């Protein structure tokens, strides 16, 4: 009887420790994705606001940059930061 109770308590302890580990890992990933999501939307919002406030040499460039950022958010934002900011007048 004691032997069975000991095995039951050991398996219960293992189950609880695995559950706690899974919850901790899940919470860690949740915070990582939260930070990445904030950075993602922050980058897009920053680039869109910068394009809207800027004056470009050719007026059609503003429309092209906005479309590029909206249709390809990460790639469009990175390309704008690298190339588009050089083409604006102010």
N, C-alpha and C. Protein backbone atom coordinates (compact mmCIF):
# COMPACT_ATOMS: atom_id res chain seq x y z
N UNK A 1 0.83 -1.19 0.00
CA UNK A 1 0.00 0.00 0.00
C UNK A 1 0.87 1.25 0.00
N UNK A 2 1.87 1.25 0.83
CA UNK A 2 2.78 2.38 0.89
C UNK A 2 3.52 2.54 -0.42
N UNK A 3 3.87 1.41 -1.02
CA UNK A 3 4.60 1.42 -2.28
C UNK A 3 3.75 2.07 -3.39
N UNK A 4 2.48 1.77 -3.46
CA UNK A 4 1.58 2.32 -4.46
C UNK A 4 1.38 3.82 -4.22
N UNK A 5 1.21 4.22 -2.97
CA UNK A 5 1.04 5.64 -2.64
C UNK A 5 2.27 6.44 -3.02
N UNK A 6 3.44 5.87 -2.79
CA UNK A 6 4.69 6.55 -3.12
C UNK A 6 4.80 6.74 -4.63
N UNK A 7 4.45 5.70 -5.40
CA UNK A 7 4.48 5.81 -6.86
C UNK A 7 3.47 6.83 -7.36
N UNK A 8 2.29 6.83 -6.76
CA UNK A 8 1.27 7.81 -7.15
C UNK A 8 1.73 9.23 -6.87
N UNK A 9 2.35 9.45 -5.73
CA UNK A 9 2.80 10.80 -5.39
C UNK A 9 3.96 11.23 -6.28
N UNK A 10 4.85 10.27 -6.64
CA UNK A 10 5.96 10.60 -7.54
C UNK A 10 5.44 10.97 -8.93
N UNK A 11 4.49 10.19 -9.43
CA UNK A 11 3.95 10.49 -10.75
C UNK A 11 3.17 11.80 -10.73
N UNK A 12 2.49 12.08 -9.63
CA UNK A 12 1.78 13.35 -9.50
C UNK A 12 2.76 14.52 -9.46
N UNK A 13 3.87 14.35 -8.74
CA UNK A 13 4.89 15.40 -8.69
C UNK A 13 5.51 15.64 -10.06
N UNK A 14 5.77 14.56 -10.80
CA UNK A 14 6.34 14.71 -12.13
C UNK A 14 5.36 15.42 -13.06
N UNK A 15 4.09 15.06 -12.95
CA UNK A 15 3.07 15.70 -13.77
C UNK A 15 2.96 17.18 -13.46
N UNK A 16 2.98 17.53 -12.18
CA UNK A 16 2.90 18.93 -11.79
C UNK A 16 4.12 19.72 -12.24
N UNK A 17 5.30 19.13 -12.10
CA UNK A 17 6.51 19.85 -12.51
C UNK A 17 6.54 20.04 -14.03
N UNK A 18 6.08 19.06 -14.79
CA UNK A 18 6.00 19.22 -16.24
C UNK A 18 4.98 20.28 -16.63
N UNK A 19 3.87 20.34 -15.90
CA UNK A 19 2.85 21.34 -16.18
C UNK A 19 3.38 22.74 -15.90
N UNK A 20 4.10 22.90 -14.80
CA UNK A 20 4.67 24.20 -14.46
C UNK A 20 5.71 24.61 -15.49
N UNK A 21 6.53 23.67 -15.93
CA UNK A 21 7.53 23.95 -16.96
C UNK A 21 6.85 24.36 -18.27
N UNK A 22 5.79 23.68 -18.62
CA UNK A 22 5.07 24.01 -19.85
C UNK A 22 4.44 25.40 -19.75
N UNK A 23 3.89 25.74 -18.59
CA UNK A 23 3.30 27.06 -18.42
C UNK A 23 4.37 28.15 -18.49
N UNK A 24 5.52 27.90 -17.88
CA UNK A 24 6.61 28.88 -17.91
C UNK A 24 7.10 29.08 -19.33
N UNK A 25 7.28 27.99 -20.06
CA UNK A 25 7.72 28.09 -21.44
C UNK A 25 6.68 28.80 -22.29
N UNK A 26 5.41 28.50 -22.05
CA UNK A 26 4.34 29.15 -22.79
C UNK A 26 4.32 30.65 -22.51
N UNK A 27 4.49 31.04 -21.25
CA UNK A 27 4.51 32.45 -20.90
C UNK A 27 5.70 33.16 -21.52
N UNK A 28 6.84 32.49 -21.56
CA UNK A 28 8.03 33.09 -22.17
C UNK A 28 7.79 33.37 -23.64
N UNK A 29 7.25 32.40 -24.35
CA UNK A 29 6.96 32.60 -25.78
C UNK A 29 5.91 33.68 -25.98
N UNK A 30 4.95 33.74 -25.08
CA UNK A 30 3.91 34.76 -25.18
C UNK A 30 4.54 36.15 -25.09
N UNK A 31 5.46 36.35 -24.16
CA UNK A 31 6.11 37.66 -24.02
C UNK A 31 7.02 37.96 -25.21
N UNK A 32 7.69 36.95 -25.73
CA UNK A 32 8.54 37.16 -26.90
C UNK A 32 7.69 37.60 -28.09
N UNK A 33 6.57 36.92 -28.33
CA UNK A 33 5.70 37.28 -29.45
C UNK A 33 5.05 38.65 -29.22
N UNK A 34 4.76 38.99 -27.98
CA UNK A 34 4.20 40.30 -27.67
C UNK A 34 5.19 41.40 -28.02
N UNK A 35 6.44 41.24 -27.63
CA UNK A 35 7.47 42.23 -27.93
C UNK A 35 7.70 42.32 -29.44
N UNK A 36 7.76 41.17 -30.11
CA UNK A 36 7.94 41.18 -31.57
C UNK A 36 6.76 41.85 -32.28
N UNK A 37 5.56 41.61 -31.80
CA UNK A 37 4.38 42.25 -32.38
C UNK A 37 4.39 43.76 -32.20
N UNK A 38 4.80 44.21 -31.03
CA UNK A 38 4.90 45.65 -30.78
C UNK A 38 5.95 46.28 -31.69
N UNK A 39 7.10 45.62 -31.83
CA UNK A 39 8.15 46.12 -32.73
C UNK A 39 7.67 46.13 -34.18
N UNK A 40 6.95 45.10 -34.57
CA UNK A 40 6.42 44.99 -35.94
C UNK A 40 5.50 46.17 -36.26
N UNK A 41 4.51 46.38 -35.40
CA UNK A 41 3.57 47.47 -35.65
C UNK A 41 4.22 48.83 -35.46
N UNK A 42 5.17 48.93 -34.54
CA UNK A 42 5.89 50.19 -34.35
C UNK A 42 6.69 50.57 -35.57
N UNK A 43 7.36 49.60 -36.18
CA UNK A 43 8.14 49.86 -37.39
C UNK A 43 7.24 50.34 -38.53
N UNK A 44 6.13 49.65 -38.72
CA UNK A 44 5.21 50.02 -39.80
C UNK A 44 4.61 51.40 -39.54
N UNK A 45 4.18 51.65 -38.32
CA UNK A 45 3.59 52.94 -37.99
C UNK A 45 4.60 54.07 -38.14
N UNK A 46 5.83 53.86 -37.69
CA UNK A 46 6.87 54.87 -37.84
C UNK A 46 7.11 55.21 -39.31
N UNK A 47 7.24 54.18 -40.13
CA UNK A 47 7.50 54.40 -41.56
C UNK A 47 6.32 55.09 -42.24
N UNK A 48 5.11 54.68 -41.93
CA UNK A 48 3.94 55.32 -42.54
C UNK A 48 3.84 56.79 -42.13
N UNK A 49 4.06 57.09 -40.86
CA UNK A 49 4.01 58.48 -40.41
C UNK A 49 5.11 59.31 -41.05
N UNK A 50 6.29 58.73 -41.20
CA UNK A 50 7.40 59.44 -41.82
C UNK A 50 7.11 59.73 -43.29
N UNK A 51 6.52 58.77 -43.99
CA UNK A 51 6.17 58.98 -45.40
C UNK A 51 5.09 60.06 -45.52
N UNK A 52 4.09 60.01 -44.65
CA UNK A 52 2.99 60.97 -44.74
C UNK A 52 3.45 62.40 -44.45
N UNK A 53 4.42 62.56 -43.56
CA UNK A 53 4.92 63.90 -43.23
C UNK A 53 5.95 64.41 -44.23
N UNK A 54 6.54 63.54 -45.00
CA UNK A 54 7.65 63.92 -45.88
C UNK A 54 7.16 64.53 -47.19
N UNK A 55 8.05 65.31 -47.78
CA UNK A 55 7.84 65.84 -49.13
C UNK A 55 8.91 65.23 -50.02
N UNK A 56 8.48 64.60 -51.10
CA UNK A 56 9.42 63.93 -51.99
C UNK A 56 9.63 64.76 -53.25
N UNK A 57 10.71 64.46 -53.96
CA UNK A 57 11.02 65.15 -55.22
C UNK A 57 9.91 64.92 -56.24
N UNK A 58 9.43 63.70 -56.31
CA UNK A 58 8.34 63.35 -57.21
C UNK A 58 7.12 62.99 -56.36
N UNK A 59 5.97 63.66 -56.54
CA UNK A 59 4.81 63.41 -55.68
C UNK A 59 4.30 61.97 -55.72
N UNK A 60 4.51 61.26 -56.81
CA UNK A 60 4.02 59.88 -56.89
C UNK A 60 4.80 58.95 -55.96
N UNK A 61 5.99 59.37 -55.56
CA UNK A 61 6.81 58.54 -54.67
C UNK A 61 6.12 58.29 -53.33
N UNK A 62 5.40 59.30 -52.83
CA UNK A 62 4.69 59.13 -51.56
C UNK A 62 3.67 58.00 -51.66
N UNK A 63 2.91 57.98 -52.75
CA UNK A 63 1.93 56.93 -52.96
C UNK A 63 2.60 55.56 -53.09
N UNK A 64 3.71 55.51 -53.81
CA UNK A 64 4.43 54.24 -54.00
C UNK A 64 4.96 53.71 -52.67
N UNK A 65 5.54 54.60 -51.85
CA UNK A 65 6.07 54.15 -50.56
C UNK A 65 4.96 53.67 -49.63
N UNK A 66 3.84 54.38 -49.62
CA UNK A 66 2.72 53.95 -48.77
C UNK A 66 2.20 52.59 -49.21
N UNK A 67 2.04 52.40 -50.52
CA UNK A 67 1.57 51.11 -51.04
C UNK A 67 2.56 50.00 -50.72
N UNK A 68 3.84 50.28 -50.88
CA UNK A 68 4.86 49.27 -50.59
C UNK A 68 4.85 48.87 -49.12
N UNK A 69 4.72 49.85 -48.23
CA UNK A 69 4.70 49.55 -46.79
C UNK A 69 3.43 48.80 -46.41
N UNK A 70 2.30 49.13 -47.02
CA UNK A 70 1.05 48.46 -46.67
C UNK A 70 0.96 47.04 -47.23
N UNK A 71 1.46 46.82 -48.44
CA UNK A 71 1.35 45.50 -49.05
C UNK A 71 2.47 44.55 -48.63
N UNK A 72 3.64 45.08 -48.33
CA UNK A 72 4.78 44.29 -47.86
C UNK A 72 5.35 44.96 -46.61
N UNK A 73 4.68 44.82 -45.47
CA UNK A 73 4.99 45.63 -44.30
C UNK A 73 6.46 45.60 -43.84
N UNK A 74 7.01 44.45 -43.61
CA UNK A 74 8.37 44.39 -43.08
C UNK A 74 9.38 44.77 -44.16
N UNK A 75 9.29 44.13 -45.30
CA UNK A 75 10.22 44.41 -46.38
C UNK A 75 10.09 45.86 -46.86
N UNK A 76 8.86 46.33 -47.03
CA UNK A 76 8.64 47.71 -47.46
C UNK A 76 9.18 48.72 -46.47
N UNK A 77 9.00 48.46 -45.19
CA UNK A 77 9.51 49.38 -44.17
C UNK A 77 11.03 49.42 -44.15
N UNK A 78 11.64 48.26 -44.25
CA UNK A 78 13.11 48.21 -44.24
C UNK A 78 13.68 48.89 -45.49
N UNK A 79 13.08 48.63 -46.64
CA UNK A 79 13.55 49.27 -47.87
C UNK A 79 13.35 50.78 -47.79
N UNK A 80 12.22 51.22 -47.22
CA UNK A 80 11.99 52.65 -47.07
C UNK A 80 13.04 53.28 -46.15
N UNK A 81 13.32 52.64 -45.03
CA UNK A 81 14.32 53.20 -44.12
C UNK A 81 15.69 53.26 -44.76
N UNK A 82 15.99 52.30 -45.60
CA UNK A 82 17.31 52.25 -46.24
C UNK A 82 17.40 53.18 -47.44
N UNK A 83 16.36 53.24 -48.27
CA UNK A 83 16.43 53.99 -49.52
C UNK A 83 15.51 55.21 -49.58
N UNK A 84 14.31 55.08 -49.05
CA UNK A 84 13.30 56.11 -49.23
C UNK A 84 13.58 57.40 -48.50
N UNK A 85 14.20 57.33 -47.35
CA UNK A 85 14.46 58.54 -46.58
C UNK A 85 15.50 59.42 -47.26
N UNK A 86 16.31 58.84 -48.13
CA UNK A 86 17.32 59.62 -48.85
C UNK A 86 16.68 60.45 -49.96
N UNK A 87 15.53 60.04 -50.46
CA UNK A 87 14.88 60.70 -51.60
C UNK A 87 13.93 61.81 -51.20
N UNK A 88 13.72 62.03 -49.93
CA UNK A 88 12.76 63.06 -49.55
C UNK A 88 13.45 64.43 -49.42
N UNK A 89 12.66 65.46 -49.63
CA UNK A 89 13.19 66.83 -49.54
C UNK A 89 13.23 67.28 -48.10
N UNK A 90 12.16 67.00 -47.35
CA UNK A 90 12.13 67.41 -45.94
C UNK A 90 11.58 66.31 -45.08
